[in-house]
PDB file of N, CA and C in Angstrom:
ATOM      1  N   MET A   1     -10.571  55.099  53.586  1.00  0.00           N
ATOM      2  CA  MET A   1      -9.330  55.051  54.333  1.00  0.00           C
ATOM      3  C   MET A   1      -8.463  53.859  53.915  1.00  0.00           C
ATOM      4  N   LEU A   2      -9.096  52.679  53.751  1.00  0.00           N
ATOM      5  CA  LEU A   2      -8.324  51.501  53.349  1.00  0.00           C
ATOM      6  C   LEU A   2      -7.720  51.668  51.963  1.00  0.00           C
ATOM      7  N   LEU A   3      -8.421  52.384  51.093  1.00  0.00           N
ATOM      8  CA  LEU A   3      -7.894  52.612  49.746  1.00  0.00           C
ATOM      9  C   LEU A   3      -6.607  53.439  49.805  1.00  0.00           C
ATOM     10  N   ILE A   4      -6.573  54.433  50.668  1.00  0.00           N
ATOM     11  CA  ILE A   4      -5.372  55.261  50.816  1.00  0.00           C
ATOM     12  C   ILE A   4      -4.213  54.424  51.365  1.00  0.00           C
ATOM     13  N   VAL A   5      -4.495  53.588  52.347  1.00  0.00           N
ATOM     14  CA  VAL A   5      -3.465  52.705  52.896  1.00  0.00           C
ATOM     15  C   VAL A   5      -2.955  51.764  51.809  1.00  0.00           C
ATOM     16  N   SER A   6      -3.865  51.239  51.011  1.00  0.00           N
ATOM     17  CA  SER A   6      -3.484  50.351  49.914  1.00  0.00           C
ATOM     18  C   SER A   6      -2.569  51.058  48.915  1.00  0.00           C
ATOM     19  N   ILE A   7      -2.896  52.286  48.568  1.00  0.00           N
ATOM     20  CA  ILE A   7      -2.066  53.065  47.634  1.00  0.00           C
ATOM     21  C   ILE A   7      -0.672  53.264  48.207  1.00  0.00           C
ATOM     22  N   ILE A   8      -0.585  53.582  49.479  1.00  0.00           N
ATOM     23  CA  ILE A   8       0.714  53.804  50.121  1.00  0.00           C
ATOM     24  C   ILE A   8       1.541  52.513  50.127  1.00  0.00           C
ATOM     25  N   VAL A   9       0.913  51.391  50.465  1.00  0.00           N
ATOM     26  CA  VAL A   9       1.624  50.112  50.500  1.00  0.00           C
ATOM     27  C   VAL A   9       2.078  49.711  49.097  1.00  0.00           C
ATOM     28  N   GLU A  10       1.198  49.849  48.106  1.00  0.00           N
ATOM     29  CA  GLU A  10       1.555  49.502  46.723  1.00  0.00           C
ATOM     30  C   GLU A  10       2.707  50.369  46.217  1.00  0.00           C
ATOM     31  N   ALA A  11       2.673  51.648  46.538  1.00  0.00           N
ATOM     32  CA  ALA A  11       3.749  52.547  46.120  1.00  0.00           C
ATOM     33  C   ALA A  11       5.058  52.165  46.802  1.00  0.00           C
ATOM     34  N   ALA A  12       4.996  51.797  48.071  1.00  0.00           N
ATOM     35  CA  ALA A  12       6.199  51.380  48.796  1.00  0.00           C
ATOM     36  C   ALA A  12       6.787  50.117  48.174  1.00  0.00           C
ATOM     37  N   VAL A  13       5.935  49.159  47.833  1.00  0.00           N
ATOM     38  CA  VAL A  13       6.414  47.935  47.188  1.00  0.00           C
ATOM     39  C   VAL A  13       7.096  48.282  45.866  1.00  0.00           C
ATOM     40  N   ALA A  14       6.477  49.153  45.069  1.00  0.00           N
ATOM     41  CA  ALA A  14       7.059  49.542  43.780  1.00  0.00           C
ATOM     42  C   ALA A  14       8.439  50.162  43.970  1.00  0.00           C
ATOM     43  N   VAL A  15       8.585  51.028  44.954  1.00  0.00           N
ATOM     44  CA  VAL A  15       9.879  51.687  45.202  1.00  0.00           C
ATOM     45  C   VAL A  15      10.929  50.670  45.654  1.00  0.00           C
ATOM     46  N   ILE A  16      10.557  49.769  46.541  1.00  0.00           N
ATOM     47  CA  ILE A  16      11.498  48.755  47.022  1.00  0.00           C
ATOM     48  C   ILE A  16      11.930  47.834  45.880  1.00  0.00           C
ATOM     49  N   VAL A  17      10.989  47.456  45.033  1.00  0.00           N
ATOM     50  CA  VAL A  17      11.325  46.577  43.913  1.00  0.00           C
ATOM     51  C   VAL A  17      12.239  47.304  42.921  1.00  0.00           C
ATOM     52  N   ILE A  18      12.036  48.591  42.725  1.00  0.00           N
ATOM     53  CA  ILE A  18      12.948  49.363  41.862  1.00  0.00           C
ATOM     54  C   ILE A  18      14.352  49.359  42.454  1.00  0.00           C
ATOM     55  N   MET A  19      14.459  49.493  43.770  1.00  0.00           N
ATOM     56  CA  MET A  19      15.767  49.452  44.419  1.00  0.00           C
ATOM     57  C   MET A  19      16.435  48.094  44.197  1.00  0.00           C
ATOM     58  N   ILE A  20      15.661  47.024  44.257  1.00  0.00           N
ATOM     59  CA  ILE A  20      16.195  45.684  44.006  1.00  0.00           C
ATOM     60  C   ILE A  20      16.638  45.564  42.550  1.00  0.00           C
ATOM     61  N   ALA A  21      15.824  46.068  41.631  1.00  0.00           N
ATOM     62  CA  ALA A  21      16.144  45.996  40.199  1.00  0.00           C
ATOM     63  C   ALA A  21      17.445  46.729  39.891  1.00  0.00           C
ATOM     64  N   ARG A  22      17.673  47.824  40.563  1.00  0.00           N
ATOM     65  CA  ARG A  22      18.897  48.613  40.335  1.00  0.00           C
ATOM     66  C   ARG A  22      20.144  47.912  40.859  1.00  0.00           C
ATOM     67  N   GLN A  23      19.979  46.860  41.639  1.00  0.00           N
ATOM     68  CA  GLN A  23      21.114  46.114  42.179  1.00  0.00           C
ATOM     69  C   GLN A  23      21.477  44.923  41.293  1.00  0.00           C
ATOM     70  N   GLY A  24      21.109  44.985  40.024  1.00  0.00           N
ATOM     71  CA  GLY A  24      21.525  43.943  39.101  1.00  0.00           C
ATOM     72  C   GLY A  24      20.467  42.923  38.747  1.00  0.00           C
ATOM     73  N   ARG A  25      19.229  43.190  39.066  1.00  0.00           N
ATOM     74  CA  ARG A  25      18.141  42.291  38.702  1.00  0.00           C
ATOM     75  C   ARG A  25      17.120  43.060  37.862  1.00  0.00           C
ATOM     76  N   PRO A  26      17.441  43.354  36.616  1.00  0.00           N
ATOM     77  CA  PRO A  26      16.582  44.217  35.802  1.00  0.00           C
ATOM     78  C   PRO A  26      15.186  43.663  35.542  1.00  0.00           C
ATOM     79  N   TYR A  27      15.025  42.349  35.611  1.00  0.00           N
ATOM     80  CA  TYR A  27      13.698  41.766  35.410  1.00  0.00           C
ATOM     81  C   TYR A  27      12.718  42.202  36.496  1.00  0.00           C
ATOM     82  N   MET A  28      13.227  42.681  37.618  1.00  0.00           N
ATOM     83  CA  MET A  28      12.353  43.134  38.702  1.00  0.00           C
ATOM     84  C   MET A  28      11.615  44.426  38.360  1.00  0.00           C
ATOM     85  N   TYR A  29      12.080  45.120  37.321  1.00  0.00           N
ATOM     86  CA  TYR A  29      11.322  46.290  36.872  1.00  0.00           C
ATOM     87  C   TYR A  29       9.910  45.886  36.455  1.00  0.00           C
ATOM     88  N   GLY A  30       9.749  44.652  35.998  1.00  0.00           N
ATOM     89  CA  GLY A  30       8.417  44.159  35.649  1.00  0.00           C
ATOM     90  C   GLY A  30       7.490  44.149  36.845  1.00  0.00           C
ATOM     91  N   LEU A  31       8.004  43.730  37.983  1.00  0.00           N
ATOM     92  CA  LEU A  31       7.192  43.729  39.197  1.00  0.00           C
ATOM     93  C   LEU A  31       6.897  45.160  39.651  1.00  0.00           C
ATOM     94  N   ALA A  32       7.873  46.042  39.489  1.00  0.00           N
ATOM     95  CA  ALA A  32       7.646  47.450  39.815  1.00  0.00           C
ATOM     96  C   ALA A  32       6.542  48.033  38.934  1.00  0.00           C
ATOM     97  N   LEU A  33       6.555  47.674  37.657  1.00  0.00           N
ATOM     98  CA  LEU A  33       5.513  48.141  36.750  1.00  0.00           C
ATOM     99  C   LEU A  33       4.144  47.612  37.166  1.00  0.00           C
ATOM    100  N   THR A  34       4.117  46.378  37.620  1.00  0.00           N
ATOM    101  CA  THR A  34       2.860  45.791  38.093  1.00  0.00           C
ATOM    102  C   THR A  34       2.287  46.616  39.235  1.00  0.00           C
ATOM    103  N   TYR A  35       3.110  46.901  40.216  1.00  0.00           N
ATOM    104  CA  TYR A  35       2.620  47.660  41.367  1.00  0.00           C
ATOM    105  C   TYR A  35       2.331  49.113  41.014  1.00  0.00           C
ATOM    106  N   ALA A  36       3.065  49.662  40.073  1.00  0.00           N
ATOM    107  CA  ALA A  36       2.756  51.021  39.611  1.00  0.00           C
ATOM    108  C   ALA A  36       1.379  51.059  38.955  1.00  0.00           C
ATOM    109  N   ALA A  37       1.036  50.000  38.231  1.00  0.00           N
ATOM    110  CA  ALA A  37      -0.299  49.922  37.620  1.00  0.00           C
ATOM    111  C   ALA A  37      -1.375  49.860  38.699  1.00  0.00           C
ATOM    112  N   TYR A  38      -1.108  49.105  39.770  1.00  0.00           N
ATOM    113  CA  TYR A  38      -2.064  49.044  40.883  1.00  0.00           C
ATOM    114  C   TYR A  38      -2.239  50.417  41.532  1.00  0.00           C
ATOM    115  N   VAL A  39      -1.127  51.121  41.717  1.00  0.00           N
ATOM    116  CA  VAL A  39      -1.194  52.467  42.292  1.00  0.00           C
ATOM    117  C   VAL A  39      -2.019  53.380  41.389  1.00  0.00           C
ATOM    118  N   LEU A  40      -1.751  53.328  40.093  1.00  0.00           N
ATOM    119  CA  LEU A  40      -2.489  54.163  39.148  1.00  0.00           C
ATOM    120  C   LEU A  40      -3.978  53.867  39.192  1.00  0.00           C
ATOM    121  N   TYR A  41      -4.327  52.601  39.194  1.00  0.00           N
ATOM    122  CA  TYR A  41      -5.743  52.221  39.224  1.00  0.00           C
ATOM    123  C   TYR A  41      -6.410  52.679  40.525  1.00  0.00           C
ATOM    124  N   ASP A  42      -5.748  52.425  41.652  1.00  0.00           N
ATOM    125  CA  ASP A  42      -6.346  52.819  42.929  1.00  0.00           C
ATOM    126  C   ASP A  42      -6.433  54.335  43.077  1.00  0.00           C
ATOM    127  N   LEU A  43      -5.431  55.046  42.571  1.00  0.00           N
ATOM    128  CA  LEU A  43      -5.511  56.512  42.580  1.00  0.00           C
ATOM    129  C   LEU A  43      -6.689  57.002  41.742  1.00  0.00           C
ATOM    130  N   ALA A  44      -6.878  56.370  40.601  1.00  0.00           N
ATOM    131  CA  ALA A  44      -7.995  56.752  39.732  1.00  0.00           C
ATOM    132  C   ALA A  44      -9.328  56.500  40.429  1.00  0.00           C
ATOM    133  N   ARG A  45      -9.435  55.382  41.119  1.00  0.00           N
ATOM    134  CA  ARG A  45     -10.674  55.104  41.874  1.00  0.00           C
ATOM    135  C   ARG A  45     -10.881  56.135  42.975  1.00  0.00           C
ATOM    136  N   TRP A  46      -9.803  56.462  43.690  1.00  0.00           N
ATOM    137  CA  TRP A  46      -9.894  57.405  44.794  1.00  0.00           C
ATOM    138  C   TRP A  46     -10.285  58.797  44.302  1.00  0.00           C
ATOM    139  N   LEU A  47      -9.747  59.190  43.136  1.00  0.00           N
ATOM    140  CA  LEU A  47     -10.033  60.511  42.584  1.00  0.00           C
ATOM    141  C   LEU A  47     -11.305  60.546  41.739  1.00  0.00           C
ATOM    142  N   GLY A  48     -11.933  59.387  41.584  1.00  0.00           N
ATOM    143  CA  GLY A  48     -13.206  59.339  40.867  1.00  0.00           C
ATOM    144  C   GLY A  48     -13.087  59.341  39.357  1.00  0.00           C
ATOM    145  N   TRP A  49     -11.924  58.955  38.826  1.00  0.00           N
ATOM    146  CA  TRP A  49     -11.769  58.873  37.377  1.00  0.00           C
ATOM    147  C   TRP A  49     -12.449  57.610  36.876  1.00  0.00           C
ATOM    148  N   ASN A  50     -12.935  57.660  35.650  1.00  0.00           N
ATOM    149  CA  ASN A  50     -13.560  56.486  35.048  1.00  0.00           C
ATOM    150  C   ASN A  50     -12.472  55.628  34.401  1.00  0.00           C
ATOM    151  N   VAL A  51     -12.141  54.521  35.040  1.00  0.00           N
ATOM    152  CA  VAL A  51     -11.097  53.638  34.515  1.00  0.00           C
ATOM    153  C   VAL A  51     -11.641  52.251  34.182  1.00  0.00           C
ATOM    154  N   GLU A  52     -12.922  52.157  34.054  1.00  0.00           N
ATOM    155  CA  GLU A  52     -13.512  50.873  33.706  1.00  0.00           C
ATOM    156  C   GLU A  52     -13.423  50.651  32.204  1.00  0.00           C
ATOM    157  N   GLY A  53     -13.760  49.471  31.771  1.00  0.00           N
ATOM    158  CA  GLY A  53     -13.783  49.167  30.350  1.00  0.00           C
ATOM    159  C   GLY A  53     -12.413  48.855  29.795  1.00  0.00           C
ATOM    160  N   PRO A  54     -12.154  49.286  28.569  1.00  0.00           N
ATOM    161  CA  PRO A  54     -10.902  48.926  27.887  1.00  0.00           C
ATOM    162  C   PRO A  54      -9.641  49.378  28.629  1.00  0.00           C
ATOM    163  N   LEU A  55      -9.645  50.564  29.210  1.00  0.00           N
ATOM    164  CA  LEU A  55      -8.461  51.041  29.935  1.00  0.00           C
ATOM    165  C   LEU A  55      -8.128  50.105  31.091  1.00  0.00           C
ATOM    166  N   TYR A  56      -9.136  49.698  31.821  1.00  0.00           N
ATOM    167  CA  TYR A  56      -8.972  48.773  32.934  1.00  0.00           C
ATOM    168  C   TYR A  56      -8.363  47.458  32.440  1.00  0.00           C
ATOM    169  N   SER A  57      -8.896  46.929  31.377  1.00  0.00           N
ATOM    170  CA  SER A  57      -8.416  45.651  30.832  1.00  0.00           C
ATOM    171  C   SER A  57      -6.972  45.748  30.365  1.00  0.00           C
ATOM    172  N   VAL A  58      -6.629  46.803  29.643  1.00  0.00           N
ATOM    173  CA  VAL A  58      -5.267  46.973  29.148  1.00  0.00           C
ATOM    174  C   VAL A  58      -4.297  47.161  30.312  1.00  0.00           C
ATOM    175  N   LEU A  59      -4.679  47.972  31.285  1.00  0.00           N
ATOM    176  CA  LEU A  59      -3.822  48.232  32.440  1.00  0.00           C
ATOM    177  C   LEU A  59      -3.479  46.940  33.166  1.00  0.00           C
ATOM    178  N   PHE A  60      -4.484  46.107  33.417  1.00  0.00           N
ATOM    179  CA  PHE A  60      -4.225  44.889  34.157  1.00  0.00           C
ATOM    180  C   PHE A  60      -3.603  43.792  33.296  1.00  0.00           C
ATOM    181  N   LEU A  61      -3.806  43.818  31.999  1.00  0.00           N
ATOM    182  CA  LEU A  61      -3.085  42.903  31.117  1.00  0.00           C
ATOM    183  C   LEU A  61      -1.590  43.234  31.155  1.00  0.00           C
ATOM    184  N   LEU A  62      -1.253  44.514  31.058  1.00  0.00           N
ATOM    185  CA  LEU A  62       0.154  44.926  31.142  1.00  0.00           C
ATOM    186  C   LEU A  62       0.750  44.572  32.501  1.00  0.00           C
ATOM    187  N   ALA A  63      -0.027  44.758  33.563  1.00  0.00           N
ATOM    188  CA  ALA A  63       0.458  44.419  34.904  1.00  0.00           C
ATOM    189  C   ALA A  63       0.720  42.917  35.011  1.00  0.00           C
ATOM    190  N   SER A  64      -0.158  42.118  34.448  1.00  0.00           N
ATOM    191  CA  SER A  64       0.018  40.663  34.503  1.00  0.00           C
ATOM    192  C   SER A  64       1.217  40.210  33.682  1.00  0.00           C
ATOM    193  N   ILE A  65       1.394  40.790  32.518  1.00  0.00           N
ATOM    194  CA  ILE A  65       2.538  40.434  31.671  1.00  0.00           C
ATOM    195  C   ILE A  65       3.846  40.835  32.351  1.00  0.00           C
ATOM    196  N   SER A  66       3.882  42.025  32.930  1.00  0.00           N
ATOM    197  CA  SER A  66       5.115  42.464  33.584  1.00  0.00           C
ATOM    198  C   SER A  66       5.411  41.615  34.821  1.00  0.00           C
ATOM    199  N   ALA A  67       4.389  41.185  35.542  1.00  0.00           N
ATOM    200  CA  ALA A  67       4.602  40.291  36.685  1.00  0.00           C
ATOM    201  C   ALA A  67       5.121  38.945  36.205  1.00  0.00           C
ATOM    202  N   LEU A  68       4.598  38.447  35.101  1.00  0.00           N
ATOM    203  CA  LEU A  68       5.074  37.182  34.534  1.00  0.00           C
ATOM    204  C   LEU A  68       6.553  37.265  34.173  1.00  0.00           C
ATOM    205  N   VAL A  69       6.952  38.365  33.543  1.00  0.00           N
ATOM    206  CA  VAL A  69       8.363  38.561  33.188  1.00  0.00           C
ATOM    207  C   VAL A  69       9.226  38.574  34.452  1.00  0.00           C
ATOM    208  N   ALA A  70       8.741  39.235  35.485  1.00  0.00           N
ATOM    209  CA  ALA A  70       9.511  39.316  36.730  1.00  0.00           C
ATOM    210  C   ALA A  70       9.666  37.951  37.387  1.00  0.00           C
ATOM    211  N   VAL A  71       8.598  37.197  37.495  1.00  0.00           N
ATOM    212  CA  VAL A  71       8.714  35.894  38.162  1.00  0.00           C
ATOM    213  C   VAL A  71       9.501  34.908  37.305  1.00  0.00           C
ATOM    214  N   TRP A  72       9.421  35.034  35.985  1.00  0.00           N
ATOM    215  CA  TRP A  72      10.259  34.195  35.123  1.00  0.00           C
ATOM    216  C   TRP A  72      11.739  34.515  35.371  1.00  0.00           C
ATOM    217  N   GLY A  73      12.047  35.795  35.510  1.00  0.00           N
ATOM    218  CA  GLY A  73      13.414  36.195  35.819  1.00  0.00           C
ATOM    219  C   GLY A  73      13.870  35.655  37.163  1.00  0.00           C
ATOM    220  N   LEU A  74      12.992  35.692  38.149  1.00  0.00           N
ATOM    221  CA  LEU A  74      13.319  35.126  39.461  1.00  0.00           C
ATOM    222  C   LEU A  74      13.585  33.630  39.350  1.00  0.00           C
ATOM    223  N   TYR A  75      12.766  32.949  38.596  1.00  0.00           N
ATOM    224  CA  TYR A  75      12.931  31.508  38.405  1.00  0.00           C
ATOM    225  C   TYR A  75      14.283  31.210  37.754  1.00  0.00           C
ATOM    226  N   ARG A  76      14.600  31.927  36.723  1.00  0.00           N
ATOM    227  CA  ARG A  76      15.867  31.700  36.019  1.00  0.00           C
ATOM    228  C   ARG A  76      17.061  32.073  36.884  1.00  0.00           C
ATOM    229  N   ASP A  77      16.911  33.064  37.751  1.00  0.00           N
ATOM    230  CA  ASP A  77      17.991  33.499  38.629  1.00  0.00           C
ATOM    231  C   ASP A  77      18.312  32.452  39.686  1.00  0.00           C
ATOM    232  N   ARG A  78      17.341  31.663  40.050  1.00  0.00           N
ATOM    233  CA  ARG A  78      17.516  30.667  41.102  1.00  0.00           C
ATOM    234  C   ARG A  78      18.202  29.401  40.608  1.00  0.00           C
ATOM    235  N   ARG A  79      18.331  29.218  39.315  1.00  0.00           N
ATOM    236  CA  ARG A  79      18.885  27.977  38.746  1.00  0.00           C
ATOM    237  C   ARG A  79      20.359  27.919  38.829  1.00  0.00           C
TER     238      ARG A  79
END
């Protein structure tokens, strides 16, 4: 049950961040990608897909890089 709630919350965050990105903050798409990766991973766990190993590592590396781009954009926007 908690996994389903987590998927719903992560998806909601991704949608809200996309709405923010469309308002002139394109770097926020990185944060949306991060949360989309979380949704994908949690959906895979819920559906019983094997996402361990290299796929898991690549997915979370991409999520971390996209989050870094987003927070760097936020930092630069505040200056």
